Amino acid sequence: MALRTAITRRILTSSSVVHGSRSMSSWWKNVEPAPKDPILGVTEAFLADPSPDKVNVGVGAYRDDNGKPVVLDCVREAERRIAGSMNMEYLPMGGSNKMVEETLKLAYGEDSDLIKDKRIAAIQALSGTGACRIFADFQKRFSPDSHIYIPVPTWSNHHNIWRDANVPQRTFHYYHPESKGLDFASLMDDVKNAPKGSFFLLHACAHNPTGVDPTVEQWKEMSYQFKVKGHFAFFDMAYQGFASGDPERDVKSIRIFLEDGHLIGCSQSYAKNMGLYGQRVGCLSLVCEDEKQAIAVKSQLQQLARPMYSNPPLHGALVVSTVLGDPDLKQLWLKEVKGMADRIIGMRSALRENIEKLGSPLSWEHITNQIGMFCYSGMTPEQVDRLTNEFHIYMTRNGRISMAGVTTGNVEYLAKAIHEVTKTA
């Protein structure tokens, strides 16, 4: 009897292990590998290439003229100052009040009545991506039947952000492939034809990936039509100061909408303009009707952040608030961000001149007409593939060139390669 019981127990145990093993092995059997990110995949391929001539113009991060990452002097000094006094306590859910305060001044103006009247609901966010995601979730929660209109093309992650927030997407015309400029007439038609009260995602400056921005007059026309239709404008501003070298010039689009009385939303980031890529420092702000509404909206933004990451990181916020809160450090930052912008602008001119010098039959004036980190070259995916396979030059297949990867040392080589793959186009 005892022997039979032991055998039965062993069979049952063995069966449950097999059954349990089968059950556990089936949990993830339907998971397929995710597609590679079109931008990050470029860097992976570049790093795997042993060629000494390889050039990476796909990376969306600033590089100096030697192709090296840069830490700004104002950031180094800010870190020196905070090193002895920084603790490791949690920030509030809404982040550093000082950082948010200084950030709002950049977007809305030092003497903004909106700031004085406490009409802006704002929280620290995980750079621009985090700010966009919090807003997308806010949109879904408080305007559940709305869509988001996204320009064609746009930064690829914009689609991921609103998709994962379950906000349906629509598109509006933006880039004109033939002129390599703005398709303003079609853009305005889309704004006029969108249902009243639609949400639109706008790039405040240095449109990514095209580098094509509306003129001041075009922004004014857009603002007027948004007012007529009652549309909501959400500005993603990742390049303030980095685009032209002047933060006030780069924020002109937002100021135009504010002057017309729009209650806008804004995402800000310090990845590009302060070189704080890995610190993930940003801000999300929404203009409200009054202080009472701003308090309510901020409380809801914080509630959205709570289950995502509880509260934002401390170090980068301290760096930003130290730099912008000290007049001398802020002046140093303004000088350094202008230096970065000027180098990018100089490389645009050099690349265009080198291609034209080779006798290209094509027009390359769009290289200098566009602004910011990226140049939308107009090259086809097949031409980009040739650049990679024959010349070891890496960029995204839509032909977007990161001008930060162009240096005085590689600009001639890059120009010759571009000429070679486009001369029979």
Protein backbone atom coordinates (compact mmCIF):
# COMPACT_ATOMS: atom_id res chain seq x y z
CA MET A 1 0.00 0.00 0.00
CA ALA A 2 2.79 2.35 0.97
CA LEU A 3 4.67 1.47 -2.24
CA ARG A 4 1.58 2.12 -4.37
CA THR A 5 1.03 5.52 -2.67
CA ALA A 6 4.65 6.53 -3.31
CA ILE A 7 4.46 5.56 -6.98
CA THR A 8 1.16 7.44 -7.41
CA ARG A 9 2.64 10.54 -5.74
CA ARG A 10 5.70 10.36 -8.03
CA ILE A 11 3.50 10.08 -11.15
CA LEU A 12 1.34 13.03 -10.06
CA THR A 13 4.39 15.13 -9.25
CA SER A 14 5.99 14.28 -12.59
CA SER A 15 2.75 15.07 -14.42
CA SER A 16 2.35 18.43 -12.70
CA VAL A 17 5.93 19.38 -13.50
CA VAL A 18 5.43 18.50 -17.15
CA HIS A 19 2.08 20.27 -17.21
CA GLY A 20 3.54 23.27 -15.39
CA SER A 21 6.53 23.36 -17.71
CA ARG A 22 4.28 23.21 -20.75
CA SER A 23 2.12 26.00 -19.34
CA MET A 24 5.05 28.24 -18.51
CA SER A 25 6.75 27.70 -21.85
CA SER A 26 3.57 28.74 -23.64
CA TRP A 27 3.23 32.16 -21.93
CA TRP A 28 5.42 34.03 -24.42
CA LYS A 29 5.51 31.66 -27.39
CA ASN A 30 3.55 34.08 -29.58
CA VAL A 31 5.91 37.02 -28.95
CA GLU A 32 7.73 38.03 -32.12
CA PRO A 33 10.89 40.19 -32.21
CA ALA A 34 10.01 43.87 -32.37
CA PRO A 35 11.08 45.72 -35.51
CA LYS A 36 14.28 47.69 -35.09
CA ASP A 37 13.94 51.39 -34.46
CA PRO A 38 14.73 53.08 -37.80
CA ILE A 39 17.02 55.63 -36.12
CA LEU A 40 18.75 53.52 -33.46
CA GLY A 41 19.32 50.75 -35.98
CA VAL A 42 21.51 53.07 -38.04
CA THR A 43 23.94 53.50 -35.15
CA GLU A 44 24.05 49.74 -34.56
CA ALA A 45 25.01 49.15 -38.20
CA PHE A 46 27.59 51.93 -38.09
CA LEU A 47 29.28 50.50 -35.01
CA ALA A 48 29.47 47.05 -36.61
CA ASP A 49 31.19 48.40 -39.76
CA PRO A 50 35.01 47.94 -39.58
CA SER A 51 35.71 50.45 -42.37
CA PRO A 52 38.05 53.31 -41.36
CA ASP A 53 36.16 55.61 -43.74
CA LYS A 54 32.74 55.13 -42.17
CA VAL A 55 30.62 58.20 -41.40
CA ASN A 56 27.53 58.34 -39.20
CA VAL A 57 25.10 61.10 -40.15
CA GLY A 58 22.13 59.35 -38.61
CA VAL A 59 22.67 60.09 -34.93
CA GLY A 60 20.37 62.71 -33.42
CA ALA A 61 22.92 64.10 -30.99
CA TYR A 62 25.33 67.00 -31.31
CA ARG A 63 28.96 66.32 -32.12
CA ASP A 64 31.90 68.72 -32.26
CA ASP A 65 34.04 69.22 -35.35
CA ASN A 66 36.06 66.14 -34.38
CA GLY A 67 32.91 64.05 -34.25
CA LYS A 68 33.03 63.79 -30.46
CA PRO A 69 30.18 64.22 -27.92
CA VAL A 70 30.17 67.54 -26.09
CA VAL A 71 29.55 68.50 -22.46
CA LEU A 72 28.87 72.24 -22.23
CA ASP A 73 31.05 74.33 -19.92
CA CYS A 74 27.94 75.77 -18.26
CA VAL A 75 26.83 72.22 -17.43
CA ARG A 76 30.25 71.32 -16.00
CA GLU A 77 30.18 74.41 -13.79
CA ALA A 78 26.61 73.69 -12.66
CA GLU A 79 27.60 70.16 -11.71
CA ARG A 80 30.58 71.49 -9.76
CA ARG A 81 28.30 73.79 -7.79
CA ILE A 82 25.67 71.21 -6.94
CA ALA A 83 28.09 68.35 -6.19
CA GLY A 84 28.54 69.24 -2.53
CA SER A 85 24.94 70.07 -1.74
CA MET A 86 22.89 67.54 -3.70
CA ASN A 87 20.90 64.97 -1.75
CA MET A 88 19.21 61.91 -3.17
CA GLU A 89 15.68 62.57 -1.93
CA TYR A 90 12.64 62.10 -4.17
CA LEU A 91 11.40 65.04 -6.15
CA PRO A 92 7.64 65.69 -5.99
CA MET A 93 5.49 64.01 -8.64
CA GLY A 94 5.53 67.25 -10.60
CA GLY A 95 9.31 67.52 -10.40
CA SER A 96 11.56 70.45 -9.54
CA ASN A 97 9.55 73.65 -9.14
CA LYS A 98 12.65 75.74 -9.83
CA MET A 99 13.44 73.88 -13.05
CA VAL A 100 9.84 74.18 -14.24
CA GLU A 101 9.78 77.88 -13.39
CA GLU A 102 12.92 78.62 -15.41
CA THR A 103 11.72 76.44 -18.28
CA LEU A 104 8.40 78.26 -18.56
CA LYS A 105 10.26 81.56 -18.86
CA LEU A 106 12.04 80.23 -21.96
CA ALA A 107 8.80 79.23 -23.66
CA TYR A 108 6.41 81.92 -22.50
CA GLY A 109 8.73 84.87 -21.82
CA GLU A 110 10.49 86.33 -18.79
CA ASP A 111 7.65 88.79 -18.19
CA SER A 112 4.77 86.55 -19.26
CA ASP A 113 1.40 87.50 -17.81
CA LEU A 114 0.43 83.84 -18.06
CA ILE A 115 3.20 83.01 -15.59
CA LYS A 116 2.37 85.95 -13.31
CA ASP A 117 -1.31 85.00 -13.26
CA LYS A 118 -0.44 81.34 -12.58
CA ARG A 119 -2.44 80.18 -15.60
CA ILE A 120 0.05 77.52 -16.73
CA ALA A 121 -0.20 73.93 -15.50
CA ALA A 122 3.29 72.43 -15.79
CA ILE A 123 5.27 69.44 -14.60
CA GLN A 124 8.80 68.17 -15.09
CA ALA A 125 8.80 65.33 -17.61
CA LEU A 126 11.17 62.68 -18.92
CA SER A 127 12.55 64.92 -21.67
CA GLY A 128 10.41 65.72 -24.69
CA THR A 129 9.31 62.13 -25.25
CA GLY A 130 7.93 61.88 -21.73
CA ALA A 131 6.18 65.23 -22.02
CA CYS A 132 4.49 64.15 -25.26
CA ARG A 133 3.44 60.84 -23.72
CA ILE A 134 1.92 62.44 -20.61
CA PHE A 135 0.01 64.86 -22.82
CA ALA A 136 -1.20 62.05 -25.09
CA ASP A 137 -2.57 60.21 -22.07
CA PHE A 138 -4.11 63.45 -20.77
CA GLN A 139 -5.79 63.97 -24.15
CA LYS A 140 -7.17 60.43 -24.11
CA ARG A 141 -8.48 60.76 -20.56
CA PHE A 142 -10.15 64.15 -20.86
CA SER A 143 -11.03 64.26 -24.57
CA PRO A 144 -11.58 60.55 -25.19
CA ASP A 145 -13.24 60.93 -28.59
CA SER A 146 -10.58 63.20 -30.08
CA HIS A 147 -7.90 62.47 -32.69
CA ILE A 148 -4.40 63.88 -33.05
CA TYR A 149 -3.37 65.39 -36.38
CA ILE A 150 0.31 64.66 -37.06
CA PRO A 151 2.39 66.21 -39.89
CA VAL A 152 3.70 64.14 -42.80
CA PRO A 153 6.48 63.40 -42.15
CA THR A 154 7.31 63.71 -38.46
CA TRP A 155 9.69 62.24 -35.90
CA SER A 156 8.87 58.53 -36.01
CA ASN A 157 8.37 58.24 -32.25
CA HIS A 158 5.44 60.67 -32.34
CA HIS A 159 3.36 57.91 -33.96
CA ASN A 160 4.41 55.43 -31.27
CA ILE A 161 3.55 57.83 -28.44
CA TRP A 162 -0.02 58.62 -29.47
CA ARG A 163 -0.62 55.04 -30.63
CA ASP A 164 0.33 53.61 -27.25
CA ALA A 165 -1.86 56.22 -25.55
CA ASN A 166 -4.71 54.86 -27.71
CA VAL A 167 -5.37 58.21 -29.38
CA PRO A 168 -6.47 57.75 -33.02
CA GLN A 169 -4.17 59.48 -35.50
CA ARG A 170 -4.84 61.51 -38.58
CA THR A 171 -2.30 63.34 -40.71
CA PHE A 172 -1.91 66.71 -42.33
CA HIS A 173 0.24 67.80 -45.27
CA TYR A 174 3.54 69.43 -44.39
CA TYR A 175 6.55 68.65 -46.59
CA HIS A 176 6.59 69.27 -50.34
CA PRO A 177 8.97 66.72 -51.94
CA GLU A 178 9.40 68.59 -55.23
CA SER A 179 10.42 71.92 -53.68
CA LYS A 180 11.93 70.27 -50.59
CA GLY A 181 10.11 72.94 -48.65
CA LEU A 182 6.76 73.52 -46.95
CA ASP A 183 3.51 72.50 -48.64
CA PHE A 184 1.73 75.43 -47.04
CA ALA A 185 -1.36 75.49 -49.27
CA SER A 186 -2.14 71.83 -48.57
CA LEU A 187 -1.35 72.29 -44.89
CA MET A 188 -3.87 75.12 -44.63
CA ASP A 189 -6.48 73.13 -46.51
CA ASP A 190 -6.09 70.32 -43.98
CA VAL A 191 -6.40 72.74 -41.07
CA LYS A 192 -9.57 74.23 -42.59
CA ASN A 193 -11.09 70.82 -43.38
CA ALA A 194 -10.40 69.21 -40.02
CA PRO A 195 -13.43 68.97 -37.70
CA LYS A 196 -13.81 71.91 -35.33
CA GLY A 197 -11.86 71.53 -32.11
CA SER A 198 -9.26 69.11 -33.51
CA PHE A 199 -5.90 68.49 -31.85
CA PHE A 200 -2.79 69.26 -33.92
CA LEU A 201 0.83 68.33 -33.20
CA LEU A 202 3.16 71.13 -34.33
CA HIS A 203 6.95 71.36 -34.29
CA ALA A 204 7.81 74.74 -32.74
CA CYS A 205 11.09 75.05 -34.68
CA ALA A 206 13.63 72.92 -36.57
CA HIS A 207 11.04 70.44 -37.80
CA ASN A 208 12.29 66.87 -37.45
CA PRO A 209 13.09 65.28 -39.88
CA THR A 210 12.76 67.90 -42.63
CA GLY A 211 14.34 71.04 -41.13
CA VAL A 212 11.55 72.95 -42.89
CA ASP A 213 9.77 75.59 -40.79
CA PRO A 214 6.91 77.96 -41.64
CA THR A 215 7.78 81.65 -41.93
CA VAL A 216 6.53 84.13 -39.33
CA GLU A 217 3.74 85.18 -41.69
CA GLN A 218 2.75 81.56 -42.28
CA TRP A 219 2.63 80.91 -38.53
CA LYS A 220 0.32 83.93 -38.21
CA GLU A 221 -1.98 82.55 -40.89
CA MET A 222 -2.01 79.17 -39.18
CA SER A 223 -2.80 80.74 -35.81
CA TYR A 224 -5.70 82.70 -37.32
CA GLN A 225 -7.17 79.60 -38.94
CA PHE A 226 -6.75 77.60 -35.73
CA LYS A 227 -8.75 80.32 -33.97
CA VAL A 228 -11.49 80.19 -36.62
CA LYS A 229 -11.78 76.40 -36.28
CA GLY A 230 -11.25 76.23 -32.52
CA HIS A 231 -8.33 73.80 -32.92
CA PHE A 232 -5.91 72.94 -30.13
CA ALA A 233 -2.19 73.37 -30.86
CA PHE A 234 0.30 71.15 -29.07
CA PHE A 235 3.87 72.31 -29.71
CA ASP A 236 6.78 69.90 -29.45
CA MET A 237 9.82 72.13 -28.89
CA ALA A 238 13.00 70.05 -28.79
CA TYR A 239 15.39 72.60 -30.33
CA GLN A 240 14.83 76.02 -28.72
CA GLY A 241 18.11 77.91 -29.13
CA PHE A 242 19.69 75.03 -31.00
CA ALA A 243 17.92 75.83 -34.28
CA SER A 244 18.99 79.42 -34.96
CA GLY A 245 21.24 80.10 -31.98
CA ASP A 246 18.62 82.49 -30.54
CA PRO A 247 16.03 81.02 -28.11
CA GLU A 248 13.72 84.00 -28.65
CA ARG A 249 13.70 83.54 -32.41
CA ASP A 250 13.12 79.81 -32.12
CA VAL A 251 10.05 80.26 -29.90
CA LYS A 252 8.34 82.76 -32.21
CA SER A 253 5.72 80.24 -33.36
CA ILE A 254 4.49 79.72 -29.81
CA ARG A 255 4.47 83.44 -29.02
CA ILE A 256 2.32 84.11 -32.12
CA PHE A 257 -0.29 81.61 -30.94
CA LEU A 258 -0.19 83.05 -27.41
CA GLU A 259 -0.66 86.59 -28.71
CA ASP A 260 -3.79 85.36 -30.50
CA GLY A 261 -5.17 83.99 -27.25
CA HIS A 262 -4.75 80.26 -27.84
CA LEU A 263 -4.66 77.91 -24.87
CA ILE A 264 -1.76 75.82 -26.14
CA GLY A 265 0.17 72.82 -24.89
CA CYS A 266 3.96 72.60 -25.02
CA SER A 267 6.62 69.95 -24.66
CA GLN A 268 10.16 71.18 -23.90
CA SER A 269 13.43 69.28 -23.79
CA TYR A 270 17.02 69.99 -22.74
CA ALA A 271 18.53 67.05 -24.62
CA LYS A 272 19.73 69.04 -27.63
CA ASN A 273 20.07 72.63 -26.45
CA MET A 274 21.92 71.80 -23.23
CA GLY A 275 23.43 68.47 -24.28
CA LEU A 276 21.62 66.61 -21.47
CA TYR A 277 20.66 63.64 -23.64
CA GLY A 278 21.06 60.98 -20.97
CA GLN A 279 19.55 63.01 -18.13
CA ARG A 280 16.03 63.06 -19.65
CA VAL A 281 15.07 66.56 -18.52
CA GLY A 282 11.95 68.12 -19.95
CA CYS A 283 8.73 69.92 -19.17
CA LEU A 284 5.07 69.64 -20.13
CA SER A 285 2.90 72.73 -19.88
CA LEU A 286 -0.72 73.56 -20.67
CA VAL A 287 -2.13 77.08 -20.74
CA CYS A 288 -5.41 77.30 -18.82
CA GLU A 289 -8.24 79.79 -18.47
CA ASP A 290 -7.36 80.78 -14.90
CA GLU A 291 -5.35 79.75 -11.84
CA LYS A 292 -8.08 77.45 -10.51
CA GLN A 293 -8.14 75.49 -13.76
CA ALA A 294 -4.34 75.32 -13.85
CA ILE A 295 -4.27 73.79 -10.36
CA ALA A 296 -6.79 71.14 -11.41
CA VAL A 297 -4.97 70.32 -14.66
CA LYS A 298 -1.58 70.07 -12.94
CA SER A 299 -3.03 67.68 -10.38
CA GLN A 300 -4.23 65.42 -13.20
CA LEU A 301 -0.89 65.56 -15.01
CA GLN A 302 0.78 64.44 -11.80
CA GLN A 303 -1.71 61.62 -11.42
CA LEU A 304 -0.83 60.41 -14.91
CA ALA A 305 2.89 60.50 -14.07
CA ARG A 306 2.47 58.62 -10.78
CA PRO A 307 1.85 55.09 -12.14
CA MET A 308 4.37 55.58 -14.97
CA TYR A 309 7.48 56.56 -13.03
CA SER A 310 6.23 58.06 -9.74
CA ASN A 311 8.50 61.12 -9.90
CA PRO A 312 11.15 62.42 -12.31
CA PRO A 313 14.95 62.25 -11.87
CA LEU A 314 16.79 64.85 -9.83
CA HIS A 315 20.28 65.44 -11.22
CA GLY A 316 19.44 66.88 -14.64
CA ALA A 317 16.76 69.12 -13.14
CA LEU A 318 19.33 70.58 -10.76
CA VAL A 319 21.72 71.22 -13.63
CA VAL A 320 19.05 73.06 -15.65
CA SER A 321 17.80 75.16 -12.74
CA THR A 322 21.38 76.06 -11.76
CA VAL A 323 22.32 77.11 -15.29
CA LEU A 324 19.17 79.10 -16.02
CA GLY A 325 18.85 80.49 -12.50
CA ASP A 326 22.31 82.12 -12.48
CA PRO A 327 22.71 85.14 -14.81
CA ASP A 328 26.37 84.40 -15.59
CA LEU A 329 25.78 80.71 -16.28
CA LYS A 330 22.75 81.52 -18.39
CA GLN A 331 24.82 83.90 -20.52
CA LEU A 332 27.45 81.19 -20.92
CA TRP A 333 24.73 78.76 -22.00
CA LEU A 334 23.39 81.25 -24.55
CA LYS A 335 26.90 81.63 -25.95
CA GLU A 336 27.48 77.88 -26.12
CA VAL A 337 24.11 77.01 -27.66
CA LYS A 338 24.74 79.67 -30.31
CA GLY A 339 28.13 78.09 -30.95
CA MET A 340 26.50 74.71 -31.57
CA ALA A 341 23.88 76.22 -33.87
CA ASP A 342 26.51 78.19 -35.79
CA ARG A 343 28.60 75.06 -36.38
CA ILE A 344 25.55 73.28 -37.80
CA ILE A 345 24.74 76.25 -40.04
CA GLY A 346 28.36 76.38 -41.20
CA MET A 347 28.33 72.69 -42.10
CA ARG A 348 25.17 73.21 -44.14
CA SER A 349 26.95 75.82 -46.23
CA ALA A 350 30.07 73.67 -46.59
CA LEU A 351 28.11 70.59 -47.69
CA ARG A 352 26.12 72.53 -50.26
CA GLU A 353 29.24 74.26 -51.64
CA ASN A 354 31.13 70.98 -51.94
CA ILE A 355 28.31 69.24 -53.81
CA GLU A 356 27.79 72.19 -56.16
CA LYS A 357 31.53 72.41 -56.80
CA LEU A 358 31.39 68.88 -58.21
CA GLY A 359 28.99 70.07 -60.91
CA SER A 360 25.83 68.40 -59.62
CA PRO A 361 22.90 68.90 -62.02
CA LEU A 362 20.51 69.10 -59.08
CA SER A 363 19.57 72.03 -56.86
CA TRP A 364 20.96 71.78 -53.34
CA GLU A 365 19.80 75.12 -51.96
CA HIS A 366 17.40 73.29 -49.64
CA ILE A 367 20.43 72.27 -47.54
CA THR A 368 20.90 75.88 -46.44
CA ASN A 369 17.21 76.82 -46.55
CA GLN A 370 16.37 74.20 -43.95
CA ILE A 371 17.27 74.73 -40.30
CA GLY A 372 18.26 72.73 -37.23
CA MET A 373 20.04 69.46 -36.71
CA PHE A 374 18.55 67.63 -39.67
CA CYS A 375 18.68 68.08 -43.43
CA TYR A 376 16.00 66.33 -45.46
CA SER A 377 18.22 65.64 -48.44
CA GLY A 378 15.64 64.36 -50.93
CA MET A 379 17.63 61.20 -51.57
CA THR A 380 15.70 58.00 -52.19
CA PRO A 381 16.00 54.87 -50.02
CA GLU A 382 17.93 53.22 -52.86
CA GLN A 383 20.42 56.10 -53.00
CA VAL A 384 20.85 55.92 -49.23
CA ASP A 385 21.52 52.19 -49.54
CA ARG A 386 24.25 52.94 -52.07
CA LEU A 387 25.81 55.46 -49.69
CA THR A 388 25.96 52.77 -47.03
CA ASN A 389 27.05 49.85 -49.18
CA GLU A 390 29.59 51.68 -51.35
CA PHE A 391 30.81 54.54 -49.13
CA HIS A 392 30.11 53.36 -45.56
CA ILE A 393 27.94 56.42 -44.90
CA TYR A 394 25.05 55.77 -42.51
CA MET A 395 21.74 57.65 -42.28
CA THR A 396 18.04 56.78 -42.09
CA ARG A 397 16.57 55.52 -45.36
CA ASN A 398 14.32 58.57 -45.71
CA GLY A 399 17.44 60.56 -46.62
CA ARG A 400 17.59 62.51 -43.37
CA ILE A 401 21.13 63.75 -42.70
CA SER A 402 22.12 64.67 -39.16
CA MET A 403 24.20 67.78 -39.76
CA ALA A 404 25.80 67.26 -36.34
CA GLY A 405 27.67 64.32 -37.85
CA VAL A 406 29.14 66.45 -40.63
CA THR A 407 32.61 67.85 -39.90
CA THR A 408 35.33 69.72 -41.75
CA GLY A 409 37.13 66.38 -41.90
CA ASN A 410 34.37 64.42 -43.65
CA VAL A 411 32.28 67.01 -45.49
CA GLU A 412 34.20 66.67 -48.76
CA TYR A 413 33.99 62.86 -48.69
CA LEU A 414 30.28 63.04 -47.88
CA ALA A 415 29.66 65.53 -50.73
CA LYS A 416 31.48 63.33 -53.26
CA ALA A 417 29.49 60.29 -52.20
CA ILE A 418 26.18 62.15 -52.39
CA HIS A 419 27.11 63.48 -55.82
CA GLU A 420 28.02 60.00 -57.01
CA VAL A 421 24.68 58.42 -56.04
CA THR A 422 22.52 61.36 -57.21
CA LYS A 423 24.18 62.56 -60.42
CA THR A 424 22.05 60.33 -62.64
CA ALA A 425 18.81 60.96 -60.74
